[in-house]
C-alpha atoms as a PDB file:
ATOM      1  CA  UNK A   1    -132.476 -28.717 223.107  1.00  0.00           C
ATOM      2  CA  UNK A   2    -131.775 -27.131 219.731  1.00  0.00           C
ATOM      3  CA  UNK A   3    -132.155 -23.651 221.261  1.00  0.00           C
ATOM      4  CA  UNK A   4    -129.919 -24.421 224.244  1.00  0.00           C
ATOM      5  CA  UNK A   5    -126.822 -25.309 222.173  1.00  0.00           C
ATOM      6  CA  UNK A   6    -126.608 -21.917 220.351  1.00  0.00           C
ATOM      7  CA  UNK A   7    -127.147 -20.099 223.649  1.00  0.00           C
ATOM      8  CA  UNK A   8    -124.344 -22.055 225.318  1.00  0.00           C
ATOM      9  CA  UNK A   9    -122.071 -21.441 222.337  1.00  0.00           C
ATOM     10  CA  UNK A  10    -122.818 -17.699 222.440  1.00  0.00           C
ATOM     11  CA  UNK A  11    -122.165 -17.571 226.200  1.00  0.00           C
ATOM     12  CA  UNK A  12    -118.834 -19.384 225.792  1.00  0.00           C
ATOM     13  CA  UNK A  13    -117.781 -17.073 222.957  1.00  0.00           C
ATOM     14  CA  UNK A  14    -118.622 -13.933 224.923  1.00  0.00           C
ATOM     15  CA  UNK A  15    -116.760 -15.261 227.984  1.00  0.00           C
ATOM     16  CA  UNK A  16    -113.667 -15.880 225.862  1.00  0.00           C
ATOM     17  CA  UNK A  17    -113.899 -12.366 224.415  1.00  0.00           C
ATOM     18  CA  UNK A  18    -113.589 -10.916 227.952  1.00  0.00           C
ATOM     19  CA  UNK A  19    -110.324 -12.693 228.701  1.00  0.00           C
ATOM     20  CA  UNK A  20    -107.238 -10.466 228.596  1.00  0.00           C
ATOM     21  CA  UNK A  21    -104.828 -11.012 225.704  1.00  0.00           C
ATOM     22  CA  UNK A  22    -101.939 -13.309 226.519  1.00  0.00           C
ATOM     23  CA  UNK A  23     -99.264 -11.376 224.627  1.00  0.00           C
ATOM     24  CA  UNK A  24     -97.642  -8.069 225.550  1.00  0.00           C
ATOM     25  CA  UNK A  25     -96.885  -6.438 228.875  1.00  0.00           C
ATOM     26  CA  UNK A  26     -99.617  -6.214 231.494  1.00  0.00           C
ATOM     27  CA  UNK A  27    -101.567  -2.969 231.631  1.00  0.00           C
ATOM     28  CA  UNK A  28    -100.556  -0.788 234.571  1.00  0.00           C
ATOM     29  CA  UNK A  29    -103.106   1.755 235.779  1.00  0.00           C
ATOM     30  CA  UNK A  30    -101.498   5.227 235.844  1.00  0.00           C
ATOM     31  CA  UNK A  31    -101.307   7.251 239.023  1.00  0.00           C
ATOM     32  CA  UNK A  32    -103.790  10.137 239.303  1.00  0.00           C
ATOM     33  CA  UNK A  33    -100.996  12.650 238.748  1.00  0.00           C
ATOM     34  CA  UNK A  34    -100.385  11.227 235.265  1.00  0.00           C
ATOM     35  CA  UNK A  35    -103.992  10.576 234.298  1.00  0.00           C
ATOM     36  CA  UNK A  36    -106.753  12.960 233.279  1.00  0.00           C
ATOM     37  CA  UNK A  37    -109.644  13.460 235.699  1.00  0.00           C
ATOM     38  CA  UNK A  38    -112.237  10.696 235.433  1.00  0.00           C
ATOM     39  CA  UNK A  39    -115.377  11.330 233.464  1.00  0.00           C
ATOM     40  CA  UNK A  40    -118.357  12.083 235.691  1.00  0.00           C
ATOM     41  CA  UNK A  41    -120.066   8.775 234.871  1.00  0.00           C
ATOM     42  CA  UNK A  42    -116.888   6.861 235.876  1.00  0.00           C
ATOM     43  CA  UNK A  43    -117.084   8.141 239.458  1.00  0.00           C
ATOM     44  CA  UNK A  44    -118.609   5.501 241.725  1.00  0.00           C
ATOM     45  CA  UNK A  45    -118.172   6.973 245.209  1.00  0.00           C
ATOM     46  CA  UNK A  46    -117.855  10.394 246.796  1.00  0.00           C
ATOM     47  CA  UNK A  47    -116.944  10.692 250.451  1.00  0.00           C
ATOM     48  CA  UNK A  48    -116.745  13.915 252.441  1.00  0.00           C
ATOM     49  CA  UNK A  49    -115.705  14.303 256.048  1.00  0.00           C
ATOM     50  CA  UNK A  50    -116.007  17.685 257.782  1.00  0.00           C
ATOM     51  CA  UNK A  51    -114.675  18.445 261.230  1.00  0.00           C
ATOM     52  CA  UNK A  52    -115.267  21.595 263.259  1.00  0.00           C
ATOM     53  CA  UNK A  53    -113.655  22.048 266.654  1.00  0.00           C
ATOM     54  CA  UNK A  54    -114.198  24.703 269.299  1.00  0.00           C
ATOM     55  CA  UNK A  55    -114.625  23.394 272.867  1.00  0.00           C
ATOM     56  CA  UNK A  56    -115.463  19.960 271.421  1.00  0.00           C
ATOM     57  CA  UNK A  57    -115.192  18.517 267.931  1.00  0.00           C
ATOM     58  CA  UNK A  58    -118.155  17.727 265.705  1.00  0.00           C
ATOM     59  CA  UNK A  59    -117.631  15.584 262.654  1.00  0.00           C
ATOM     60  CA  UNK A  60    -119.968  14.930 259.736  1.00  0.00           C
ATOM     61  CA  UNK A  61    -119.205  12.055 257.362  1.00  0.00           C
ATOM     62  CA  UNK A  62    -121.157  11.601 254.145  1.00  0.00           C
ATOM     63  CA  UNK A  63    -120.824   8.668 251.745  1.00  0.00           C
ATOM     64  CA  UNK A  64    -122.609   8.849 248.385  1.00  0.00           C
ATOM     65  CA  UNK A  65    -122.594   5.929 245.958  1.00  0.00           C
ATOM     66  CA  UNK A  66    -123.459   6.002 242.278  1.00  0.00           C
ATOM     67  CA  UNK A  67    -126.012   3.221 242.827  1.00  0.00           C
ATOM     68  CA  UNK A  68    -128.083   5.655 244.925  1.00  0.00           C
ATOM     69  CA  UNK A  69    -127.075   4.703 248.456  1.00  0.00           C
ATOM     70  CA  UNK A  70    -126.273   7.524 250.875  1.00  0.00           C
ATOM     71  CA  UNK A  71    -124.969   7.281 254.424  1.00  0.00           C
ATOM     72  CA  UNK A  72    -124.415  10.146 256.856  1.00  0.00           C
ATOM     73  CA  UNK A  73    -122.793   9.735 260.257  1.00  0.00           C
ATOM     74  CA  UNK A  74    -122.536  12.536 262.831  1.00  0.00           C
ATOM     75  CA  UNK A  75    -119.992  12.475 265.660  1.00  0.00           C
ATOM     76  CA  UNK A  76    -119.584  14.693 268.707  1.00  0.00           C
ATOM     77  CA  UNK A  77    -116.530  14.501 270.980  1.00  0.00           C
ATOM     78  CA  UNK A  78    -115.454  11.297 269.273  1.00  0.00           C
ATOM     79  CA  UNK A  79    -118.782   9.510 269.860  1.00  0.00           C
ATOM     80  CA  UNK A  80    -121.163   8.553 267.107  1.00  0.00           C
ATOM     81  CA  UNK A  81    -124.367  10.531 267.625  1.00  0.00           C
ATOM     82  CA  UNK A  82    -126.452   9.692 264.579  1.00  0.00           C
ATOM     83  CA  UNK A  83    -126.467   7.419 261.575  1.00  0.00           C
ATOM     84  CA  UNK A  84    -128.770   8.380 258.730  1.00  0.00           C
ATOM     85  CA  UNK A  85    -129.572   6.676 255.464  1.00  0.00           C
ATOM     86  CA  UNK A  86    -130.967   8.116 252.288  1.00  0.00           C
ATOM     87  CA  UNK A  87    -131.115   7.800 248.523  1.00  0.00           C
ATOM     88  CA  UNK A  88    -129.241  10.084 246.159  1.00  0.00           C
ATOM     89  CA  UNK A  89    -130.905  10.204 242.754  1.00  0.00           C
ATOM     90  CA  UNK A  90    -128.721   9.591 239.718  1.00  0.00           C
ATOM     91  CA  UNK A  91    -129.003  13.155 238.368  1.00  0.00           C
ATOM     92  CA  UNK A  92    -127.926  14.662 241.696  1.00  0.00           C
ATOM     93  CA  UNK A  93    -124.969  12.265 241.896  1.00  0.00           C
ATOM     94  CA  UNK A  94    -123.980  13.013 238.291  1.00  0.00           C
ATOM     95  CA  UNK A  95    -124.238  16.785 238.891  1.00  0.00           C
ATOM     96  CA  UNK A  96    -122.029  16.452 241.980  1.00  0.00           C
ATOM     97  CA  UNK A  97    -119.509  14.254 240.159  1.00  0.00           C
ATOM     98  CA  UNK A  98    -119.394  16.769 237.295  1.00  0.00           C
ATOM     99  CA  UNK A  99    -118.801  19.664 239.706  1.00  0.00           C
ATOM    100  CA  UNK A 100    -116.015  17.761 241.471  1.00  0.00           C
ATOM    101  CA  UNK A 101    -114.198  16.999 238.206  1.00  0.00           C
ATOM    102  CA  UNK A 102    -112.393  20.333 238.582  1.00  0.00           C
ATOM    103  CA  UNK A 103    -108.896  19.794 237.130  1.00  0.00           C
ATOM    104  CA  UNK A 104    -107.383  21.539 240.172  1.00  0.00           C
ATOM    105  CA  UNK A 105    -108.788  18.774 242.349  1.00  0.00           C
ATOM    106  CA  UNK A 106    -106.852  16.121 240.453  1.00  0.00           C
ATOM    107  CA  UNK A 107    -103.498  17.931 240.209  1.00  0.00           C
ATOM    108  CA  UNK A 108    -100.682  15.993 241.819  1.00  0.00           C
ATOM    109  CA  UNK A 109    -100.646  12.631 243.510  1.00  0.00           C
ATOM    110  CA  UNK A 110    -103.362  13.367 246.070  1.00  0.00           C
ATOM    111  CA  UNK A 111    -103.203  13.065 249.841  1.00  0.00           C
ATOM    112  CA  UNK A 112    -103.506  10.331 252.397  1.00  0.00           C
ATOM    113  CA  UNK A 113    -106.747  10.781 254.353  1.00  0.00           C
ATOM    114  CA  UNK A 114    -105.616  12.505 257.543  1.00  0.00           C
ATOM    115  CA  UNK A 115    -106.497  15.159 260.089  1.00  0.00           C
ATOM    116  CA  UNK A 116    -103.983  17.847 260.915  1.00  0.00           C
ATOM    117  CA  UNK A 117    -103.581  18.265 264.674  1.00  0.00           C
ATOM    118  CA  UNK A 118    -104.743  21.619 266.072  1.00  0.00           C
ATOM    119  CA  UNK A 119    -106.950  22.485 263.092  1.00  0.00           C
ATOM    120  CA  UNK A 120    -110.458  23.609 263.891  1.00  0.00           C
ATOM    121  CA  UNK A 121    -112.130  23.457 260.451  1.00  0.00           C
ATOM    122  CA  UNK A 122    -110.994  20.685 258.161  1.00  0.00           C
ATOM    123  CA  UNK A 123    -112.478  18.686 255.308  1.00  0.00           C
ATOM    124  CA  UNK A 124    -111.334  15.423 253.727  1.00  0.00           C
ATOM    125  CA  UNK A 125    -112.787  14.791 250.279  1.00  0.00           C
ATOM    126  CA  UNK A 126    -112.427  11.492 248.430  1.00  0.00           C
ATOM    127  CA  UNK A 127    -113.525  10.575 244.906  1.00  0.00           C
ATOM    128  CA  UNK A 128    -113.296   7.001 243.646  1.00  0.00           C
ATOM    129  CA  UNK A 129    -113.763   5.140 240.397  1.00  0.00           C
ATOM    130  CA  UNK A 130    -113.720   1.360 240.088  1.00  0.00           C
ATOM    131  CA  UNK A 131    -109.914   1.435 239.866  1.00  0.00           C
ATOM    132  CA  UNK A 132    -108.616   4.482 241.715  1.00  0.00           C
ATOM    133  CA  UNK A 133    -109.272   6.835 244.604  1.00  0.00           C
ATOM    134  CA  UNK A 134    -108.117  10.440 244.948  1.00  0.00           C
ATOM    135  CA  UNK A 135    -108.112  12.237 248.295  1.00  0.00           C
ATOM    136  CA  UNK A 136    -107.650  15.896 249.179  1.00  0.00           C
ATOM    137  CA  UNK A 137    -107.273  17.246 252.694  1.00  0.00           C
ATOM    138  CA  UNK A 138    -108.335  20.816 253.360  1.00  0.00           C
ATOM    139  CA  UNK A 139    -106.828  21.756 256.727  1.00  0.00           C
ATOM    140  CA  UNK A 140    -108.359  25.225 256.955  1.00  0.00           C
ATOM    141  CA  UNK A 141    -110.760  27.462 255.018  1.00  0.00           C
ATOM    142  CA  UNK A 142    -107.667  29.183 253.545  1.00  0.00           C
ATOM    143  CA  UNK A 143    -106.285  25.914 252.145  1.00  0.00           C
ATOM    144  CA  UNK A 144    -106.913  25.989 248.348  1.00  0.00           C
ATOM    145  CA  UNK A 145    -109.930  28.292 248.832  1.00  0.00           C
ATOM    146  CA  UNK A 146    -111.272  28.190 245.256  1.00  0.00           C
ATOM    147  CA  UNK A 147    -111.233  24.370 245.073  1.00  0.00           C
ATOM    148  CA  UNK A 148    -112.638  24.031 248.596  1.00  0.00           C
ATOM    149  CA  UNK A 149    -115.422  26.576 248.000  1.00  0.00           C
ATOM    150  CA  UNK A 150    -116.508  24.894 244.767  1.00  0.00           C
ATOM    151  CA  UNK A 151    -116.443  21.424 246.354  1.00  0.00           C
ATOM    152  CA  UNK A 152    -118.264  22.651 249.474  1.00  0.00           C
ATOM    153  CA  UNK A 153    -121.050  24.318 247.473  1.00  0.00           C
ATOM    154  CA  UNK A 154    -121.590  21.224 245.308  1.00  0.00           C
ATOM    155  CA  UNK A 155    -121.581  18.904 248.336  1.00  0.00           C
ATOM    156  CA  UNK A 156    -123.942  21.132 250.332  1.00  0.00           C
ATOM    157  CA  UNK A 157    -126.403  21.142 247.436  1.00  0.00           C
ATOM    158  CA  UNK A 158    -126.299  17.361 247.008  1.00  0.00           C
ATOM    159  CA  UNK A 159    -126.574  16.609 250.750  1.00  0.00           C
ATOM    160  CA  UNK A 160    -129.515  19.028 251.096  1.00  0.00           C
ATOM    161  CA  UNK A 161    -131.350  17.261 248.242  1.00  0.00           C
ATOM    162  CA  UNK A 162    -131.327  13.915 250.085  1.00  0.00           C
ATOM    163  CA  UNK A 163    -134.166  12.966 252.400  1.00  0.00           C
ATOM    164  CA  UNK A 164    -132.327  11.453 255.355  1.00  0.00           C
ATOM    165  CA  UNK A 165    -133.846   8.795 257.627  1.00  0.00           C
ATOM    166  CA  UNK A 166    -132.320   8.384 261.053  1.00  0.00           C
ATOM    167  CA  UNK A 167    -131.295   4.875 261.959  1.00  0.00           C
ATOM    168  CA  UNK A 168    -132.667   3.398 265.156  1.00  0.00           C
ATOM    169  CA  UNK A 169    -129.824   2.755 267.534  1.00  0.00           C
ATOM    170  CA  UNK A 170    -127.604   5.354 265.848  1.00  0.00           C
ATOM    171  CA  UNK A 171    -125.703   6.196 269.043  1.00  0.00           C
ATOM    172  CA  UNK A 172    -122.481   4.297 269.420  1.00  0.00           C
END
């Protein structure tokens, strides 16, 4: 019993230390346009969505999480063809997050995730921290070519490093 009381007291003290201060104005998270790019270790999620259309449209969605989870979904003509799962190791995720910290990526307020009608090669890229998400739409290969090329190369390298396992029942 003598050991339990100091442990409970320490737990109560640490819980009180985590409470926000009661004086002063509340902290307001700045918009991306006013904040510096996040540090690579602050990035928790990277999402990429590529679409290529000729006669039909193929779409490839990749979700990578800092905790190692990876999900890839392939679509053809609006139907889900495949769902694949994998693990992204922490060094690969950190290397990708570092490559995507390009200051040009975080200029301005960011975009709403959208597809431009009548485009045949588009990419939507999203980077999130615990508090914020920043999205860029690339409507064509000529749209911000240096940022797109750098992001595409880093994403291709990370996606190729993952051993994907196809889900049973992946067709939707």
